[in-house]
Amino acid sequence: MEALSDEMIMQKVANGNIDLLKVLFDRHHKYVYNYLYKMSGDRMLSEDLTQDVFYKMIKYRSSYKSGSFVSWLFTIARNNLKSHFTRNHKVHQDIQSLEYRLAENEVGRQEDYSHLQNALNKLNATDRELVILNRFKNIQYEELAEILDSTPGAVKTRMSRALKKLKQYYLESI
């Protein structure tokens, strides 16, 4: 199974071979969890949403149309996070308005955060999402454009601006 691409495995899952979902889960659950955690700041919520993403992969497997698997997976994760906040807040909040909640350690201090994490926390949700998906998850501009329903050029421009802000916040914190 290691030789098969994610797209080939997902196509087999879409055609009914549900057992192969374990391979995709093993390959990607950490990345999905980390993305959700970096966006929400809540470990338990991220665990729950990660499980839900893979449940939705099974449920909606027939909607996979042999495109980029990673784009399809992170679109599900992104929509899942957005749906969670929509369902659980009286006022509608879309992904662009989500504020990152800093996870505090046992003593309630935030000193353990690295300067980079602090700078990342200062970015707005849209910029933070771009940086996380591109730099931490290595998702290319074309795939990001598909996930964000945009164009690669627009994503590249937004990414450039987000990195400039991140650099500024980083340099302020050291």
N, C-alpha and C. Protein backbone atom coordinates (compact mmCIF):
# COMPACT_ATOMS: atom_id res chain seq x y z
N MET A 1 0.82 -1.21 0.00
CA MET A 1 0.00 0.00 0.00
C MET A 1 0.85 1.27 0.00
N GLU A 2 2.08 1.16 0.51
CA GLU A 2 2.93 2.34 0.58
C GLU A 2 3.22 2.91 -0.81
N ALA A 3 3.22 2.05 -1.83
CA ALA A 3 3.54 2.51 -3.18
C ALA A 3 2.37 3.24 -3.84
N LEU A 4 1.16 3.02 -3.35
CA LEU A 4 0.00 3.66 -3.95
C LEU A 4 -0.12 5.11 -3.48
N SER A 5 -0.49 5.98 -4.41
CA SER A 5 -0.70 7.38 -4.05
C SER A 5 -1.99 7.53 -3.25
N ASP A 6 -2.10 8.65 -2.57
CA ASP A 6 -3.33 8.95 -1.82
C ASP A 6 -4.54 8.94 -2.75
N GLU A 7 -4.36 9.49 -3.93
CA GLU A 7 -5.47 9.57 -4.88
C GLU A 7 -5.93 8.18 -5.31
N MET A 8 -4.97 7.28 -5.54
CA MET A 8 -5.33 5.92 -5.94
C MET A 8 -6.06 5.19 -4.81
N ILE A 9 -5.56 5.36 -3.60
CA ILE A 9 -6.20 4.71 -2.45
C ILE A 9 -7.60 5.27 -2.24
N MET A 10 -7.74 6.61 -2.32
CA MET A 10 -9.05 7.21 -2.12
C MET A 10 -10.03 6.78 -3.20
N GLN A 11 -9.56 6.58 -4.41
CA GLN A 11 -10.44 6.10 -5.48
C GLN A 11 -10.96 4.71 -5.14
N LYS A 12 -10.09 3.87 -4.57
CA LYS A 12 -10.51 2.52 -4.16
C LYS A 12 -11.50 2.61 -2.99
N VAL A 13 -11.27 3.54 -2.06
CA VAL A 13 -12.21 3.75 -0.95
C VAL A 13 -13.55 4.22 -1.51
N ALA A 14 -13.51 5.15 -2.46
CA ALA A 14 -14.74 5.67 -3.08
C ALA A 14 -15.50 4.56 -3.78
N ASN A 15 -14.78 3.57 -4.27
CA ASN A 15 -15.43 2.44 -4.96
C ASN A 15 -15.84 1.33 -4.00
N GLY A 16 -15.70 1.56 -2.69
CA GLY A 16 -16.22 0.60 -1.73
C GLY A 16 -15.22 -0.12 -0.86
N ASN A 17 -13.94 0.02 -1.09
CA ASN A 17 -12.93 -0.66 -0.27
C ASN A 17 -12.61 0.20 0.95
N ILE A 18 -13.52 0.19 1.92
CA ILE A 18 -13.43 1.03 3.12
C ILE A 18 -12.20 0.70 3.97
N ASP A 19 -11.73 -0.55 3.90
CA ASP A 19 -10.58 -0.96 4.71
C ASP A 19 -9.33 -0.12 4.41
N LEU A 20 -9.22 0.39 3.20
CA LEU A 20 -8.05 1.19 2.83
C LEU A 20 -8.05 2.57 3.48
N LEU A 21 -9.17 2.96 4.07
CA LEU A 21 -9.23 4.26 4.74
C LEU A 21 -8.20 4.32 5.86
N LYS A 22 -7.88 3.18 6.46
CA LYS A 22 -6.88 3.14 7.53
C LYS A 22 -5.53 3.66 7.04
N VAL A 23 -5.17 3.34 5.80
CA VAL A 23 -3.90 3.81 5.24
C VAL A 23 -3.91 5.34 5.16
N LEU A 24 -5.02 5.90 4.67
CA LEU A 24 -5.13 7.36 4.56
C LEU A 24 -5.16 7.99 5.95
N PHE A 25 -5.85 7.36 6.87
CA PHE A 25 -5.89 7.87 8.24
C PHE A 25 -4.47 7.90 8.82
N ASP A 26 -3.75 6.81 8.68
CA ASP A 26 -2.39 6.74 9.22
C ASP A 26 -1.48 7.79 8.60
N ARG A 27 -1.66 8.06 7.32
CA ARG A 27 -0.82 9.04 6.63
C ARG A 27 -1.15 10.48 6.98
N HIS A 28 -2.43 10.77 7.27
CA HIS A 28 -2.86 12.17 7.32
C HIS A 28 -3.49 12.65 8.62
N HIS A 29 -3.83 11.78 9.56
CA HIS A 29 -4.57 12.26 10.73
C HIS A 29 -3.78 13.28 11.55
N LYS A 30 -2.47 13.12 11.63
CA LYS A 30 -1.67 14.09 12.40
C LYS A 30 -1.71 15.47 11.76
N TYR A 31 -1.67 15.50 10.42
CA TYR A 31 -1.69 16.78 9.71
C TYR A 31 -3.04 17.48 9.87
N VAL A 32 -4.10 16.70 9.80
CA VAL A 32 -5.44 17.27 9.97
C VAL A 32 -5.60 17.79 11.40
N TYR A 33 -5.19 16.98 12.37
CA TYR A 33 -5.27 17.40 13.78
C TYR A 33 -4.47 18.68 14.00
N ASN A 34 -3.24 18.72 13.52
CA ASN A 34 -2.39 19.90 13.73
C ASN A 34 -2.99 21.14 13.09
N TYR A 35 -3.54 20.99 11.91
CA TYR A 35 -4.21 22.13 11.25
C TYR A 35 -5.37 22.62 12.11
N LEU A 36 -6.22 21.70 12.54
CA LEU A 36 -7.40 22.08 13.34
C LEU A 36 -6.97 22.67 14.69
N TYR A 37 -5.91 22.14 15.26
CA TYR A 37 -5.44 22.66 16.54
C TYR A 37 -4.86 24.07 16.38
N LYS A 38 -4.08 24.25 15.34
CA LYS A 38 -3.49 25.58 15.11
C LYS A 38 -4.57 26.61 14.78
N MET A 39 -5.68 26.19 14.21
CA MET A 39 -6.76 27.11 13.89
C MET A 39 -7.68 27.36 15.09
N SER A 40 -7.91 26.35 15.92
CA SER A 40 -8.87 26.50 17.02
C SER A 40 -8.22 26.73 18.38
N GLY A 41 -7.01 26.19 18.58
CA GLY A 41 -6.35 26.31 19.88
C GLY A 41 -6.93 25.40 20.94
N ASP A 42 -7.76 24.45 20.55
CA ASP A 42 -8.44 23.57 21.50
C ASP A 42 -8.12 22.12 21.14
N ARG A 43 -7.36 21.46 22.02
CA ARG A 43 -6.93 20.08 21.75
C ARG A 43 -8.10 19.10 21.62
N MET A 44 -9.00 19.15 22.58
CA MET A 44 -10.12 18.20 22.55
C MET A 44 -11.02 18.43 21.34
N LEU A 45 -11.30 19.69 21.05
CA LEU A 45 -12.10 20.00 19.87
C LEU A 45 -11.40 19.51 18.61
N SER A 46 -10.09 19.70 18.54
CA SER A 46 -9.33 19.26 17.36
C SER A 46 -9.37 17.75 17.20
N GLU A 47 -9.29 17.02 18.31
CA GLU A 47 -9.40 15.55 18.26
C GLU A 47 -10.78 15.14 17.74
N ASP A 48 -11.81 15.77 18.28
CA ASP A 48 -13.18 15.44 17.84
C ASP A 48 -13.39 15.77 16.36
N LEU A 49 -12.94 16.94 15.96
CA LEU A 49 -13.12 17.35 14.57
C LEU A 49 -12.31 16.48 13.62
N THR A 50 -11.13 16.04 14.05
CA THR A 50 -10.31 15.16 13.22
C THR A 50 -11.04 13.85 12.98
N GLN A 51 -11.61 13.29 14.03
CA GLN A 51 -12.39 12.06 13.87
C GLN A 51 -13.56 12.29 12.92
N ASP A 52 -14.20 13.43 13.08
CA ASP A 52 -15.34 13.74 12.23
C ASP A 52 -14.94 13.90 10.77
N VAL A 53 -13.76 14.46 10.52
CA VAL A 53 -13.28 14.60 9.14
C VAL A 53 -13.16 13.23 8.48
N PHE A 54 -12.60 12.26 9.19
CA PHE A 54 -12.45 10.93 8.61
C PHE A 54 -13.78 10.19 8.52
N TYR A 55 -14.69 10.47 9.42
CA TYR A 55 -16.05 9.93 9.29
C TYR A 55 -16.70 10.48 8.02
N LYS A 56 -16.53 11.78 7.79
CA LYS A 56 -17.12 12.40 6.60
C LYS A 56 -16.46 11.90 5.32
N MET A 57 -15.19 11.53 5.41
CA MET A 57 -14.54 10.93 4.24
C MET A 57 -15.26 9.64 3.84
N ILE A 58 -15.64 8.85 4.85
CA ILE A 58 -16.36 7.62 4.56
C ILE A 58 -17.75 7.95 4.02
N LYS A 59 -18.44 8.82 4.71
CA LYS A 59 -19.81 9.16 4.36
C LYS A 59 -19.92 9.76 2.95
N TYR A 60 -18.98 10.63 2.59
CA TYR A 60 -19.05 11.33 1.31
C TYR A 60 -18.01 10.82 0.31
N ARG A 61 -17.55 9.58 0.49
CA ARG A 61 -16.50 9.04 -0.37
C ARG A 61 -16.87 9.04 -1.84
N SER A 62 -18.16 8.91 -2.13
CA SER A 62 -18.58 8.89 -3.54
C SER A 62 -18.46 10.27 -4.20
N SER A 63 -18.30 11.32 -3.40
CA SER A 63 -18.15 12.66 -3.98
C SER A 63 -16.71 12.94 -4.40
N TYR A 64 -15.78 12.06 -4.05
CA TYR A 64 -14.39 12.24 -4.45
C TYR A 64 -14.28 11.97 -5.95
N LYS A 65 -13.75 12.93 -6.68
CA LYS A 65 -13.69 12.83 -8.13
C LYS A 65 -12.25 12.82 -8.64
N SER A 66 -11.41 12.03 -8.03
CA SER A 66 -10.02 11.79 -8.44
C SER A 66 -9.19 13.05 -8.69
N GLY A 67 -9.45 14.09 -7.90
CA GLY A 67 -8.57 15.26 -7.93
C GLY A 67 -7.51 15.09 -6.87
N SER A 68 -6.94 16.17 -6.43
CA SER A 68 -5.94 16.12 -5.38
C SER A 68 -6.60 15.68 -4.07
N PHE A 69 -6.11 14.58 -3.51
CA PHE A 69 -6.67 14.07 -2.27
C PHE A 69 -6.47 15.06 -1.13
N VAL A 70 -5.27 15.64 -1.04
CA VAL A 70 -4.98 16.56 0.06
C VAL A 70 -5.91 17.77 0.01
N SER A 71 -6.17 18.29 -1.18
CA SER A 71 -7.10 19.42 -1.31
C SER A 71 -8.49 19.01 -0.83
N TRP A 72 -8.92 17.84 -1.23
CA TRP A 72 -10.25 17.35 -0.84
C TRP A 72 -10.32 17.17 0.67
N LEU A 73 -9.26 16.57 1.25
CA LEU A 73 -9.22 16.32 2.69
C LEU A 73 -9.25 17.62 3.49
N PHE A 74 -8.42 18.58 3.11
CA PHE A 74 -8.38 19.83 3.87
C PHE A 74 -9.60 20.72 3.61
N THR A 75 -10.26 20.52 2.49
CA THR A 75 -11.54 21.20 2.28
C THR A 75 -12.57 20.67 3.28
N ILE A 76 -12.57 19.36 3.47
CA ILE A 76 -13.47 18.76 4.47
C ILE A 76 -13.12 19.28 5.86
N ALA A 77 -11.83 19.31 6.20
CA ALA A 77 -11.39 19.77 7.53
C ALA A 77 -11.79 21.23 7.74
N ARG A 78 -11.55 22.05 6.74
CA ARG A 78 -11.86 23.48 6.83
C ARG A 78 -13.37 23.69 7.00
N ASN A 79 -14.16 22.99 6.19
CA ASN A 79 -15.62 23.10 6.29
C ASN A 79 -16.13 22.57 7.62
N ASN A 80 -15.49 21.53 8.12
CA ASN A 80 -15.87 20.95 9.40
C ASN A 80 -15.65 21.95 10.54
N LEU A 81 -14.51 22.63 10.52
CA LEU A 81 -14.22 23.64 11.52
C LEU A 81 -15.21 24.80 11.42
N LYS A 82 -15.46 25.23 10.22
CA LYS A 82 -16.41 26.32 9.99
C LYS A 82 -17.81 25.93 10.47
N SER A 83 -18.23 24.72 10.15
CA SER A 83 -19.55 24.23 10.58
C SER A 83 -19.65 24.15 12.09
N HIS A 84 -18.57 23.70 12.73
CA HIS A 84 -18.58 23.62 14.19
C HIS A 84 -18.85 24.98 14.81
N PHE A 85 -18.12 25.99 14.35
CA PHE A 85 -18.29 27.32 14.92
C PHE A 85 -19.63 27.93 14.54
N THR A 86 -20.15 27.59 13.40
CA THR A 86 -21.47 28.08 13.00
C THR A 86 -22.56 27.46 13.88
N ARG A 87 -22.46 26.15 14.10
CA ARG A 87 -23.46 25.44 14.92
C ARG A 87 -23.40 25.84 16.38
N ASN A 88 -22.21 26.12 16.89
CA ASN A 88 -22.03 26.32 18.32
C ASN A 88 -21.91 27.76 18.76
N HIS A 89 -22.26 28.67 17.91
CA HIS A 89 -22.28 30.08 18.27
C HIS A 89 -23.60 30.68 17.80
N LYS A 90 -24.16 31.51 18.65
CA LYS A 90 -25.44 32.13 18.31
C LYS A 90 -25.29 33.05 17.11
N VAL A 91 -24.19 33.77 17.06
CA VAL A 91 -23.93 34.66 15.93
C VAL A 91 -23.03 33.91 14.96
N HIS A 92 -23.39 33.93 13.68
CA HIS A 92 -22.60 33.23 12.68
C HIS A 92 -21.19 33.79 12.61
N GLN A 93 -20.21 32.89 12.69
CA GLN A 93 -18.82 33.28 12.50
C GLN A 93 -18.25 32.42 11.39
N ASP A 94 -17.74 33.05 10.35
CA ASP A 94 -17.10 32.24 9.33
C ASP A 94 -15.62 32.12 9.65
N ILE A 95 -14.92 31.35 8.86
CA ILE A 95 -13.53 31.04 9.16
C ILE A 95 -12.66 32.30 9.22
N GLN A 96 -13.04 33.33 8.46
CA GLN A 96 -12.25 34.55 8.45
C GLN A 96 -12.34 35.31 9.77
N SER A 97 -13.40 35.08 10.54
CA SER A 97 -13.56 35.85 11.77
C SER A 97 -13.21 35.06 13.03
N LEU A 98 -12.76 33.82 12.87
CA LEU A 98 -12.39 33.03 14.03
C LEU A 98 -11.14 33.60 14.67
N GLU A 99 -11.15 33.75 15.96
CA GLU A 99 -9.98 34.21 16.67
C GLU A 99 -9.28 33.00 17.27
N TYR A 100 -8.00 32.99 17.17
CA TYR A 100 -7.23 31.90 17.74
C TYR A 100 -7.20 32.06 19.24
N ARG A 101 -7.61 31.00 19.94
CA ARG A 101 -7.57 31.03 21.40
C ARG A 101 -6.28 30.37 21.85
N LEU A 102 -5.49 31.10 22.59
CA LEU A 102 -4.24 30.54 23.06
C LEU A 102 -4.51 29.45 24.10
N ALA A 103 -3.88 28.30 23.89
CA ALA A 103 -4.00 27.23 24.88
C ALA A 103 -3.03 27.55 26.00
N GLU A 104 -3.53 27.55 27.20
CA GLU A 104 -2.69 27.89 28.34
C GLU A 104 -2.18 26.62 29.00
N ASN A 105 -0.98 26.69 29.57
CA ASN A 105 -0.47 25.53 30.28
C ASN A 105 -1.11 25.45 31.66
N GLU A 106 -0.68 24.47 32.47
CA GLU A 106 -1.33 24.22 33.76
C GLU A 106 -1.37 25.45 34.64
N VAL A 107 -0.34 26.26 34.62
CA VAL A 107 -0.27 27.42 35.50
C VAL A 107 -1.01 28.60 34.88
N GLY A 108 -1.41 28.48 33.64
CA GLY A 108 -2.12 29.55 32.98
C GLY A 108 -1.20 30.57 32.34
N ARG A 109 0.05 30.20 32.17
CA ARG A 109 1.02 31.13 31.58
C ARG A 109 1.24 30.78 30.12
N GLN A 110 1.67 31.78 29.40
CA GLN A 110 1.92 31.57 27.98
C GLN A 110 3.40 31.74 27.62
N GLU A 111 4.27 31.74 28.64
CA GLU A 111 5.69 31.95 28.39
C GLU A 111 6.30 30.83 27.55
N ASP A 112 5.72 29.64 27.59
CA ASP A 112 6.30 28.51 26.88
C ASP A 112 6.13 28.60 25.37
N TYR A 113 5.29 29.52 24.93
CA TYR A 113 5.11 29.66 23.49
C TYR A 113 6.37 30.23 22.86
N SER A 114 6.73 29.67 21.75
CA SER A 114 7.89 30.20 21.05
C SER A 114 7.52 31.54 20.42
N HIS A 115 8.54 32.28 20.04
CA HIS A 115 8.28 33.57 19.39
C HIS A 115 7.50 33.37 18.09
N LEU A 116 7.82 32.31 17.37
CA LEU A 116 7.11 32.06 16.12
C LEU A 116 5.64 31.76 16.37
N GLN A 117 5.37 30.94 17.39
CA GLN A 117 3.97 30.63 17.69
C GLN A 117 3.22 31.88 18.12
N ASN A 118 3.87 32.73 18.91
CA ASN A 118 3.23 33.99 19.31
C ASN A 118 2.94 34.87 18.10
N ALA A 119 3.89 34.94 17.18
CA ALA A 119 3.69 35.74 15.97
C ALA A 119 2.55 35.14 15.13
N LEU A 120 2.53 33.83 15.03
CA LEU A 120 1.47 33.15 14.28
C LEU A 120 0.10 33.42 14.90
N ASN A 121 0.05 33.46 16.21
CA ASN A 121 -1.20 33.72 16.92
C ASN A 121 -1.74 35.11 16.64
N LYS A 122 -0.86 36.05 16.32
CA LYS A 122 -1.29 37.42 16.08
C LYS A 122 -1.90 37.62 14.68
N LEU A 123 -1.64 36.69 13.79
CA LEU A 123 -2.22 36.80 12.44
C LEU A 123 -3.73 36.60 12.50
N ASN A 124 -4.45 37.21 11.58
CA ASN A 124 -5.88 36.94 11.53
C ASN A 124 -6.08 35.51 11.02
N ALA A 125 -7.26 34.97 11.18
CA ALA A 125 -7.53 33.56 10.89
C ALA A 125 -7.23 33.20 9.44
N THR A 126 -7.55 34.08 8.51
CA THR A 126 -7.32 33.79 7.10
C THR A 126 -5.84 33.68 6.81
N ASP A 127 -5.06 34.63 7.30
CA ASP A 127 -3.61 34.60 7.07
C ASP A 127 -2.97 33.41 7.78
N ARG A 128 -3.40 33.15 9.01
CA ARG A 128 -2.86 32.02 9.78
C ARG A 128 -3.14 30.71 9.05
N GLU A 129 -4.35 30.59 8.51
CA GLU A 129 -4.73 29.38 7.79
C GLU A 129 -3.82 29.18 6.57
N LEU A 130 -3.57 30.23 5.82
CA LEU A 130 -2.69 30.14 4.65
C LEU A 130 -1.29 29.68 5.05
N VAL A 131 -0.74 30.31 6.07
CA VAL A 131 0.61 29.97 6.51
C VAL A 131 0.66 28.52 6.99
N ILE A 132 -0.30 28.12 7.78
CA ILE A 132 -0.33 26.75 8.31
C ILE A 132 -0.41 25.74 7.17
N LEU A 133 -1.34 25.95 6.25
CA LEU A 133 -1.52 24.99 5.16
C LEU A 133 -0.32 24.96 4.22
N ASN A 134 0.24 26.11 3.91
CA ASN A 134 1.34 26.16 2.95
C ASN A 134 2.67 25.80 3.59
N ARG A 135 3.02 26.42 4.68
CA ARG A 135 4.36 26.24 5.25
C ARG A 135 4.46 25.04 6.18
N PHE A 136 3.41 24.73 6.93
CA PHE A 136 3.48 23.62 7.87
C PHE A 136 2.98 22.31 7.25
N LYS A 137 2.03 22.41 6.34
CA LYS A 137 1.45 21.20 5.73
C LYS A 137 1.93 20.99 4.30
N ASN A 138 2.76 21.92 3.80
CA ASN A 138 3.35 21.82 2.46
C ASN A 138 2.32 21.68 1.34
N ILE A 139 1.20 22.35 1.49
CA ILE A 139 0.19 22.34 0.44
C ILE A 139 0.53 23.46 -0.55
N GLN A 140 0.66 23.09 -1.81
CA GLN A 140 1.08 24.02 -2.86
C GLN A 140 -0.03 25.03 -3.19
N TYR A 141 0.37 26.11 -3.87
CA TYR A 141 -0.56 27.19 -4.20
C TYR A 141 -1.76 26.70 -5.02
N GLU A 142 -1.54 25.80 -5.95
CA GLU A 142 -2.63 25.29 -6.78
C GLU A 142 -3.68 24.57 -5.92
N GLU A 143 -3.19 23.76 -4.99
CA GLU A 143 -4.10 23.03 -4.09
C GLU A 143 -4.78 23.99 -3.12
N LEU A 144 -4.03 24.98 -2.63
CA LEU A 144 -4.63 25.98 -1.75
C LEU A 144 -5.73 26.74 -2.47
N ALA A 145 -5.49 27.07 -3.72
CA ALA A 145 -6.50 27.78 -4.51
C ALA A 145 -7.77 26.94 -4.62
N GLU A 146 -7.61 25.64 -4.79
CA GLU A 146 -8.75 24.74 -4.87
C GLU A 146 -9.50 24.70 -3.52
N ILE A 147 -8.75 24.59 -2.43
CA ILE A 147 -9.35 24.54 -1.10
C ILE A 147 -10.10 25.84 -0.79
N LEU A 148 -9.48 26.97 -1.14
CA LEU A 148 -10.03 28.28 -0.78
C LEU A 148 -10.94 28.86 -1.86
N ASP A 149 -11.16 28.10 -2.94
CA ASP A 149 -11.99 28.54 -4.05
C ASP A 149 -11.47 29.89 -4.58
N SER A 150 -10.19 29.90 -4.94
CA SER A 150 -9.52 31.10 -5.41
C SER A 150 -8.64 30.73 -6.59
N THR A 151 -7.73 31.61 -6.95
CA THR A 151 -6.77 31.31 -8.02
C THR A 151 -5.38 31.20 -7.40
N PRO A 152 -4.48 30.45 -8.04
CA PRO A 152 -3.12 30.33 -7.51
C PRO A 152 -2.43 31.68 -7.36
N GLY A 153 -2.64 32.58 -8.30
CA GLY A 153 -2.02 33.90 -8.22
C GLY A 153 -2.51 34.69 -7.02
N ALA A 154 -3.81 34.65 -6.77
CA ALA A 154 -4.38 35.36 -5.62
C ALA A 154 -3.87 34.75 -4.31
N VAL A 155 -3.77 33.44 -4.28
CA VAL A 155 -3.27 32.77 -3.07
C VAL A 155 -1.82 33.14 -2.83
N LYS A 156 -1.03 33.18 -3.89
CA LYS A 156 0.39 33.53 -3.76
C LYS A 156 0.54 34.96 -3.22
N THR A 157 -0.28 35.88 -3.72
CA THR A 157 -0.25 37.26 -3.24
C THR A 157 -0.64 37.34 -1.77
N ARG A 158 -1.75 36.66 -1.41
CA ARG A 158 -2.20 36.65 -0.02
C ARG A 158 -1.14 36.04 0.89
N MET A 159 -0.48 34.98 0.40
CA MET A 159 0.55 34.30 1.18
C MET A 159 1.73 35.24 1.41
N SER A 160 2.12 35.95 0.39
CA SER A 160 3.24 36.89 0.51
C SER A 160 2.93 37.96 1.56
N ARG A 161 1.73 38.49 1.53
CA ARG A 161 1.33 39.50 2.51
C ARG A 161 1.28 38.92 3.92
N ALA A 162 0.77 37.69 4.04
CA ALA A 162 0.68 37.04 5.35
C ALA A 162 2.08 36.81 5.93
N LEU A 163 3.02 36.41 5.07
CA LEU A 163 4.39 36.17 5.55
C LEU A 163 5.06 37.47 5.98
N LYS A 164 4.77 38.56 5.29
CA LYS A 164 5.32 39.86 5.71
C LYS A 164 4.79 40.24 7.09
N LYS A 165 3.49 40.03 7.31
CA LYS A 165 2.91 40.32 8.63
C LYS A 165 3.54 39.42 9.69
N LEU A 166 3.67 38.13 9.37
CA LEU A 166 4.25 37.18 10.31
C LEU A 166 5.67 37.58 10.68
N LYS A 167 6.46 37.98 9.69
CA LYS A 167 7.83 38.43 9.95
C LYS A 167 7.83 39.64 10.87
N GLN A 168 6.94 40.59 10.61
CA GLN A 168 6.85 41.80 11.44
C GLN A 168 6.50 41.43 12.87
N TYR A 169 5.48 40.59 13.06
CA TYR A 169 5.07 40.18 14.41
C TYR A 169 6.20 39.41 15.10
N TYR A 170 6.90 38.59 14.33
CA TYR A 170 8.00 37.80 14.90
C TYR A 170 9.12 38.71 15.40
N LEU A 171 9.51 39.66 14.56
CA LEU A 171 10.59 40.57 14.94
C LEU A 171 10.21 41.46 16.13
N GLU A 172 8.92 41.78 16.26
CA GLU A 172 8.46 42.57 17.41
C GLU A 172 8.55 41.77 18.71
N SER A 173 8.42 40.44 18.61
CA SER A 173 8.34 39.62 19.82
C SER A 173 9.71 39.19 20.35
N ILE A 174 10.75 39.40 19.57
CA ILE A 174 12.07 38.95 20.08
C ILE A 174 12.87 40.09 20.64
